[in-house]
């Protein structure tokens, strides 16, 4: 007779693909919502920084010169970046410099949406387990 731990492990293995698929859908929705909100909050003078905010799905490369540089996003994840070859100053707008005060747009959005994203992720896992 299999132990409860063995039964639970078998249950999770049977649901693994559904869990991954639902989790990825939730992450994509979170990333798109985050990008929309950041674009709405970013200070706009010419609009270059706003236009540089991109959502990059797993397996693709982030724009060159975005924070952290161009990198391949791991499969099963989504990345939101600000910056490109023309726009390299998003961190200065966010945090400020000797010559200007920061005009927060990124981290307040993270804080505002964090709980909503957690709830969406939990709902996705519940949905996958019920399939």
N, C-alpha and C. Protein backbone atom coordinates (compact mmCIF):
# COMPACT_ATOMS: atom_id res chain seq x y z
N UNK A 1 0.85 -1.19 0.00
CA UNK A 1 0.00 0.00 0.00
C UNK A 1 0.89 1.24 0.00
N UNK A 2 0.58 2.18 -0.84
CA UNK A 2 1.38 3.39 -0.98
C UNK A 2 1.08 4.37 0.16
N UNK A 3 2.12 5.03 0.59
CA UNK A 3 1.94 6.02 1.65
C UNK A 3 1.23 7.25 1.10
N UNK A 4 0.78 8.11 1.98
CA UNK A 4 0.12 9.37 1.56
C UNK A 4 1.09 10.21 0.74
N UNK A 5 2.37 10.24 1.16
CA UNK A 5 3.37 11.02 0.44
C UNK A 5 3.52 10.49 -0.99
N UNK A 6 3.55 9.18 -1.16
CA UNK A 6 3.66 8.58 -2.49
C UNK A 6 2.43 8.90 -3.34
N UNK A 7 1.27 8.84 -2.72
CA UNK A 7 0.03 9.16 -3.44
C UNK A 7 0.03 10.63 -3.88
N UNK A 8 0.46 11.50 -2.98
CA UNK A 8 0.51 12.93 -3.31
C UNK A 8 1.50 13.19 -4.42
N UNK A 9 2.67 12.56 -4.36
CA UNK A 9 3.69 12.71 -5.39
C UNK A 9 3.14 12.25 -6.75
N UNK A 10 2.44 11.12 -6.77
CA UNK A 10 1.85 10.61 -8.01
C UNK A 10 0.78 11.57 -8.54
N UNK A 11 -0.01 12.13 -7.62
CA UNK A 11 -1.04 13.11 -8.01
C UNK A 11 -0.40 14.32 -8.67
N UNK A 12 0.66 14.85 -8.08
CA UNK A 12 1.33 16.02 -8.64
C UNK A 12 1.96 15.70 -10.00
N UNK A 13 2.56 14.53 -10.12
CA UNK A 13 3.16 14.14 -11.39
C UNK A 13 2.10 14.05 -12.49
N UNK A 14 0.91 13.57 -12.14
CA UNK A 14 -0.17 13.46 -13.12
C UNK A 14 -0.67 14.84 -13.54
N UNK A 15 -0.58 15.81 -12.66
CA UNK A 15 -1.08 17.16 -12.93
C UNK A 15 0.01 18.13 -13.40
N UNK A 16 1.25 17.65 -13.52
CA UNK A 16 2.38 18.54 -13.77
C UNK A 16 2.20 19.41 -15.01
N UNK A 17 1.80 18.85 -16.12
CA UNK A 17 1.65 19.63 -17.35
C UNK A 17 0.55 20.68 -17.23
N UNK A 18 -0.58 20.31 -16.62
CA UNK A 18 -1.67 21.26 -16.42
C UNK A 18 -1.24 22.40 -15.50
N UNK A 19 -0.49 22.08 -14.46
CA UNK A 19 -0.01 23.10 -13.51
C UNK A 19 0.93 24.06 -14.23
N UNK A 20 1.87 23.52 -15.01
CA UNK A 20 2.81 24.39 -15.74
C UNK A 20 2.08 25.29 -16.72
N UNK A 21 1.11 24.74 -17.44
CA UNK A 21 0.38 25.52 -18.44
C UNK A 21 -0.42 26.65 -17.79
N UNK A 22 -1.12 26.35 -16.72
CA UNK A 22 -1.92 27.37 -16.03
C UNK A 22 -1.03 28.42 -15.36
N UNK A 23 0.08 27.97 -14.79
CA UNK A 23 1.01 28.91 -14.15
C UNK A 23 1.60 29.87 -15.19
N UNK A 24 1.94 29.36 -16.37
CA UNK A 24 2.48 30.22 -17.41
C UNK A 24 1.44 31.22 -17.89
N UNK A 25 0.19 30.78 -18.05
CA UNK A 25 -0.88 31.71 -18.45
C UNK A 25 -1.02 32.83 -17.43
N UNK A 26 -0.96 32.48 -16.14
CA UNK A 26 -1.07 33.48 -15.08
C UNK A 26 0.11 34.44 -15.12
N UNK A 27 1.31 33.92 -15.34
CA UNK A 27 2.50 34.78 -15.41
C UNK A 27 2.43 35.73 -16.60
N UNK A 28 1.95 35.24 -17.73
CA UNK A 28 1.81 36.11 -18.90
C UNK A 28 0.79 37.22 -18.63
N UNK A 29 -0.32 36.86 -18.00
CA UNK A 29 -1.33 37.87 -17.66
C UNK A 29 -0.76 38.89 -16.68
N UNK A 30 -0.01 38.40 -15.68
CA UNK A 30 0.62 39.31 -14.71
C UNK A 30 1.59 40.27 -15.41
N UNK A 31 2.41 39.74 -16.29
CA UNK A 31 3.41 40.57 -16.98
C UNK A 31 2.74 41.62 -17.85
N UNK A 32 1.70 41.24 -18.57
CA UNK A 32 1.00 42.21 -19.43
C UNK A 32 0.34 43.30 -18.59
N UNK A 33 -0.28 42.91 -17.49
CA UNK A 33 -0.91 43.91 -16.61
C UNK A 33 0.14 44.82 -16.01
N UNK A 34 1.25 44.25 -15.56
CA UNK A 34 2.33 45.06 -14.98
C UNK A 34 2.86 46.06 -16.01
N UNK A 35 3.11 45.60 -17.23
CA UNK A 35 3.63 46.49 -18.27
C UNK A 35 2.64 47.62 -18.56
N UNK A 36 1.35 47.29 -18.62
CA UNK A 36 0.33 48.32 -18.85
C UNK A 36 0.35 49.38 -17.75
N UNK A 37 0.42 48.92 -16.50
CA UNK A 37 0.41 49.86 -15.37
C UNK A 37 1.68 50.71 -15.32
N UNK A 38 2.82 50.10 -15.59
CA UNK A 38 4.08 50.85 -15.59
C UNK A 38 4.05 51.89 -16.70
N UNK A 39 3.56 51.52 -17.88
CA UNK A 39 3.47 52.49 -18.97
C UNK A 39 2.54 53.65 -18.60
N UNK A 40 1.49 53.35 -17.84
CA UNK A 40 0.56 54.38 -17.42
C UNK A 40 1.20 55.33 -16.42
N UNK A 41 2.09 54.80 -15.56
CA UNK A 41 2.69 55.60 -14.49
C UNK A 41 4.01 56.27 -14.84
N UNK A 42 4.68 55.80 -15.88
CA UNK A 42 6.00 56.33 -16.19
C UNK A 42 5.90 57.81 -16.57
N UNK A 43 6.79 58.65 -16.05
CA UNK A 43 6.79 60.06 -16.45
C UNK A 43 7.11 60.17 -17.95
N UNK A 44 6.36 61.00 -18.64
CA UNK A 44 6.53 61.12 -20.10
C UNK A 44 6.95 62.53 -20.46
N UNK A 45 8.09 62.62 -21.13
CA UNK A 45 8.50 63.89 -21.74
C UNK A 45 8.43 63.71 -23.25
N UNK A 46 9.17 62.75 -23.76
CA UNK A 46 9.12 62.45 -25.20
C UNK A 46 8.45 61.11 -25.47
N UNK A 47 8.30 60.27 -24.45
CA UNK A 47 7.64 58.99 -24.62
C UNK A 47 8.55 57.83 -24.94
N UNK A 48 9.86 58.07 -25.04
CA UNK A 48 10.78 56.99 -25.39
C UNK A 48 10.84 55.92 -24.31
N UNK A 49 10.90 56.33 -23.06
CA UNK A 49 10.95 55.36 -21.97
C UNK A 49 9.67 54.54 -21.93
N UNK A 50 8.56 55.18 -22.10
CA UNK A 50 7.27 54.48 -22.10
C UNK A 50 7.23 53.43 -23.21
N UNK A 51 7.69 53.80 -24.40
CA UNK A 51 7.68 52.86 -25.53
C UNK A 51 8.70 51.74 -25.36
N UNK A 52 9.70 51.93 -24.51
CA UNK A 52 10.74 50.90 -24.35
C UNK A 52 10.32 49.78 -23.40
N UNK A 53 9.20 49.92 -22.72
CA UNK A 53 8.75 48.89 -21.77
C UNK A 53 8.17 47.73 -22.57
N UNK A 54 8.79 46.57 -22.41
CA UNK A 54 8.44 45.39 -23.21
C UNK A 54 8.21 44.16 -22.34
N UNK A 55 7.33 43.29 -22.81
CA UNK A 55 7.10 41.98 -22.20
C UNK A 55 7.77 40.97 -23.10
N UNK A 56 8.67 40.17 -22.53
CA UNK A 56 9.40 39.17 -23.31
C UNK A 56 9.07 37.78 -22.77
N UNK A 57 8.48 36.91 -23.60
CA UNK A 57 8.15 35.55 -23.15
C UNK A 57 9.38 34.65 -23.11
N UNK A 58 9.23 33.52 -22.46
CA UNK A 58 10.31 32.55 -22.34
C UNK A 58 10.84 32.11 -23.68
N UNK A 59 12.16 31.95 -23.75
CA UNK A 59 12.82 31.50 -24.96
C UNK A 59 13.25 32.64 -25.87
N UNK A 60 12.77 33.86 -25.62
CA UNK A 60 13.15 34.99 -26.44
C UNK A 60 14.17 35.85 -25.70
N UNK A 61 14.80 36.79 -26.43
CA UNK A 61 15.81 37.66 -25.82
C UNK A 61 15.22 39.01 -25.48
N UNK A 62 15.64 39.52 -24.33
CA UNK A 62 15.22 40.86 -23.93
C UNK A 62 15.96 41.88 -24.79
N UNK A 63 15.43 43.10 -24.88
CA UNK A 63 16.11 44.11 -25.71
C UNK A 63 17.51 44.41 -25.19
N UNK A 64 18.42 44.71 -26.11
CA UNK A 64 19.76 45.13 -25.72
C UNK A 64 19.64 46.41 -24.91
N UNK A 65 20.46 46.55 -23.93
CA UNK A 65 20.53 47.73 -23.06
C UNK A 65 19.35 47.86 -22.10
N UNK A 66 18.46 46.88 -22.06
CA UNK A 66 17.45 46.91 -21.01
C UNK A 66 18.18 46.56 -19.72
N UNK A 67 17.56 46.83 -18.61
CA UNK A 67 18.23 46.58 -17.34
C UNK A 67 18.67 45.11 -17.26
N UNK A 68 19.91 44.88 -16.97
CA UNK A 68 20.45 43.54 -16.95
C UNK A 68 21.03 43.11 -18.28
N UNK A 69 20.87 43.94 -19.31
CA UNK A 69 21.40 43.61 -20.62
C UNK A 69 20.54 42.59 -21.34
N UNK A 70 20.86 42.38 -22.59
CA UNK A 70 20.13 41.40 -23.38
C UNK A 70 20.41 40.01 -22.82
N UNK A 71 19.34 39.27 -22.58
CA UNK A 71 19.47 37.92 -22.06
C UNK A 71 18.30 37.09 -22.54
N UNK A 72 18.50 35.79 -22.60
CA UNK A 72 17.41 34.90 -23.00
C UNK A 72 16.57 34.61 -21.77
N UNK A 73 15.28 34.82 -21.91
CA UNK A 73 14.34 34.58 -20.81
C UNK A 73 14.14 33.07 -20.70
N UNK A 74 14.29 32.50 -19.50
CA UNK A 74 14.10 31.06 -19.35
C UNK A 74 12.68 30.62 -19.73
N UNK A 75 12.57 29.42 -20.29
CA UNK A 75 11.26 28.86 -20.63
C UNK A 75 10.40 28.80 -19.37
N UNK A 76 9.13 29.02 -19.53
CA UNK A 76 8.21 28.96 -18.40
C UNK A 76 8.17 30.25 -17.58
N UNK A 77 8.83 31.29 -18.06
CA UNK A 77 8.81 32.57 -17.37
C UNK A 77 8.53 33.69 -18.37
N UNK A 78 8.28 34.86 -17.84
CA UNK A 78 8.04 36.05 -18.66
C UNK A 78 8.79 37.18 -17.98
N UNK A 79 9.38 38.09 -18.76
CA UNK A 79 10.15 39.19 -18.18
C UNK A 79 9.64 40.52 -18.74
N UNK A 80 9.51 41.50 -17.86
CA UNK A 80 9.15 42.86 -18.27
C UNK A 80 10.41 43.71 -18.10
N UNK A 81 10.77 44.45 -19.14
CA UNK A 81 11.97 45.28 -19.10
C UNK A 81 11.65 46.70 -19.56
N UNK A 82 12.50 47.62 -19.13
CA UNK A 82 12.43 49.00 -19.60
C UNK A 82 13.81 49.37 -20.11
N UNK A 83 13.85 49.93 -21.31
CA UNK A 83 15.12 50.34 -21.88
C UNK A 83 15.42 49.62 -23.17
N UNK A 84 16.23 50.27 -23.99
CA UNK A 84 16.69 49.70 -25.25
C UNK A 84 17.95 50.46 -25.66
N UNK A 85 18.38 50.31 -26.92
CA UNK A 85 19.62 50.98 -27.34
C UNK A 85 19.50 52.50 -27.29
N UNK A 86 18.30 53.03 -27.40
CA UNK A 86 18.10 54.47 -27.35
C UNK A 86 17.81 54.97 -25.93
N UNK A 87 17.16 54.16 -25.13
CA UNK A 87 16.71 54.55 -23.79
C UNK A 87 17.51 53.76 -22.75
N UNK A 88 18.43 54.42 -22.08
CA UNK A 88 19.28 53.75 -21.09
C UNK A 88 19.17 54.43 -19.73
N UNK A 89 18.10 55.14 -19.49
CA UNK A 89 18.03 55.98 -18.29
C UNK A 89 16.83 55.69 -17.39
N UNK A 90 16.16 54.57 -17.57
CA UNK A 90 14.99 54.25 -16.75
C UNK A 90 15.31 54.23 -15.26
N UNK A 91 16.48 53.68 -14.89
CA UNK A 91 16.86 53.62 -13.48
C UNK A 91 17.11 55.02 -12.92
N UNK A 92 17.56 55.95 -13.75
CA UNK A 92 17.79 57.32 -13.28
C UNK A 92 16.46 58.02 -13.04
N UNK A 93 15.50 57.79 -13.93
CA UNK A 93 14.16 58.37 -13.73
C UNK A 93 13.55 57.81 -12.45
N UNK A 94 13.69 56.51 -12.24
CA UNK A 94 13.10 55.86 -11.06
C UNK A 94 13.76 56.32 -9.76
N UNK A 95 15.08 56.34 -9.73
CA UNK A 95 15.80 56.58 -8.47
C UNK A 95 16.38 57.98 -8.34
N UNK A 96 16.47 58.72 -9.44
CA UNK A 96 17.01 60.07 -9.40
C UNK A 96 18.52 60.09 -9.56
N UNK A 97 19.06 61.30 -9.55
CA UNK A 97 20.50 61.51 -9.67
C UNK A 97 20.86 62.76 -8.87
N UNK A 98 22.08 63.20 -8.98
CA UNK A 98 22.48 64.43 -8.29
C UNK A 98 21.68 65.62 -8.80
N UNK A 99 21.28 65.56 -10.06
CA UNK A 99 20.62 66.71 -10.69
C UNK A 99 19.10 66.66 -10.66
N UNK A 100 18.52 65.50 -10.34
CA UNK A 100 17.05 65.41 -10.33
C UNK A 100 16.56 64.40 -9.30
N UNK A 101 15.38 64.63 -8.82
CA UNK A 101 14.75 63.70 -7.89
C UNK A 101 14.18 62.53 -8.68
N UNK A 102 14.11 61.39 -8.01
CA UNK A 102 13.50 60.23 -8.64
C UNK A 102 12.01 60.44 -8.84
N UNK A 103 11.50 59.87 -9.92
CA UNK A 103 10.06 59.93 -10.21
C UNK A 103 9.60 58.48 -10.32
N UNK A 104 9.25 57.93 -9.18
CA UNK A 104 8.96 56.50 -9.07
C UNK A 104 7.83 56.07 -10.00
N UNK A 105 8.07 54.97 -10.71
CA UNK A 105 7.04 54.37 -11.55
C UNK A 105 7.08 52.85 -11.51
N UNK A 106 8.26 52.26 -11.33
CA UNK A 106 8.41 50.80 -11.39
C UNK A 106 8.05 50.14 -10.07
N UNK A 107 8.75 50.49 -9.01
CA UNK A 107 8.55 49.80 -7.73
C UNK A 107 7.20 50.08 -7.08
N UNK A 108 6.63 51.27 -7.20
CA UNK A 108 5.27 51.43 -6.68
C UNK A 108 4.27 50.52 -7.39
N UNK A 109 4.50 50.27 -8.67
CA UNK A 109 3.62 49.37 -9.42
C UNK A 109 3.79 47.94 -8.93
N UNK A 110 5.02 47.53 -8.66
CA UNK A 110 5.26 46.19 -8.11
C UNK A 110 4.50 46.04 -6.80
N UNK A 111 4.64 47.01 -5.92
CA UNK A 111 3.97 46.94 -4.61
C UNK A 111 2.45 46.94 -4.75
N UNK A 112 1.94 47.75 -5.68
CA UNK A 112 0.49 47.85 -5.87
C UNK A 112 -0.11 46.53 -6.38
N UNK A 113 0.60 45.85 -7.27
CA UNK A 113 0.04 44.66 -7.92
C UNK A 113 0.47 43.33 -7.30
N UNK A 114 1.39 43.36 -6.36
CA UNK A 114 1.95 42.12 -5.80
C UNK A 114 0.86 41.15 -5.31
N UNK A 115 -0.08 41.62 -4.51
CA UNK A 115 -1.10 40.73 -3.96
C UNK A 115 -2.04 40.23 -5.05
N UNK A 116 -2.36 41.08 -6.00
CA UNK A 116 -3.22 40.65 -7.11
C UNK A 116 -2.54 39.52 -7.90
N UNK A 117 -1.24 39.64 -8.12
CA UNK A 117 -0.51 38.61 -8.84
C UNK A 117 -0.46 37.31 -8.04
N UNK A 118 -0.26 37.42 -6.74
CA UNK A 118 -0.28 36.21 -5.90
C UNK A 118 -1.62 35.51 -6.00
N UNK A 119 -2.69 36.29 -5.92
CA UNK A 119 -4.03 35.71 -6.00
C UNK A 119 -4.27 35.05 -7.36
N UNK A 120 -3.82 35.69 -8.43
CA UNK A 120 -3.98 35.11 -9.77
C UNK A 120 -3.19 33.81 -9.88
N UNK A 121 -1.99 33.77 -9.32
CA UNK A 121 -1.18 32.55 -9.36
C UNK A 121 -1.85 31.42 -8.58
N UNK A 122 -2.38 31.74 -7.40
CA UNK A 122 -3.08 30.73 -6.59
C UNK A 122 -4.29 30.18 -7.34
N UNK A 123 -5.06 31.08 -7.96
CA UNK A 123 -6.24 30.66 -8.71
C UNK A 123 -5.85 29.75 -9.87
N UNK A 124 -4.74 30.06 -10.54
CA UNK A 124 -4.28 29.23 -11.65
C UNK A 124 -3.90 27.84 -11.17
N UNK A 125 -3.25 27.76 -10.01
CA UNK A 125 -2.89 26.44 -9.47
C UNK A 125 -4.14 25.66 -9.07
N UNK A 126 -5.09 26.34 -8.45
CA UNK A 126 -6.34 25.65 -8.08
C UNK A 126 -7.05 25.12 -9.33
N UNK A 127 -7.09 25.93 -10.38
CA UNK A 127 -7.73 25.52 -11.63
C UNK A 127 -7.04 24.30 -12.23
N UNK A 128 -5.71 24.32 -12.22
CA UNK A 128 -4.96 23.20 -12.79
C UNK A 128 -5.18 21.92 -12.00
N UNK A 129 -5.24 22.02 -10.70
CA UNK A 129 -5.41 20.83 -9.86
C UNK A 129 -6.80 20.24 -10.03
N UNK A 130 -7.79 21.09 -10.29
CA UNK A 130 -9.17 20.60 -10.45
C UNK A 130 -9.41 19.97 -11.81
N UNK A 131 -8.53 20.22 -12.79
CA UNK A 131 -8.70 19.63 -14.13
C UNK A 131 -8.60 18.14 -14.09
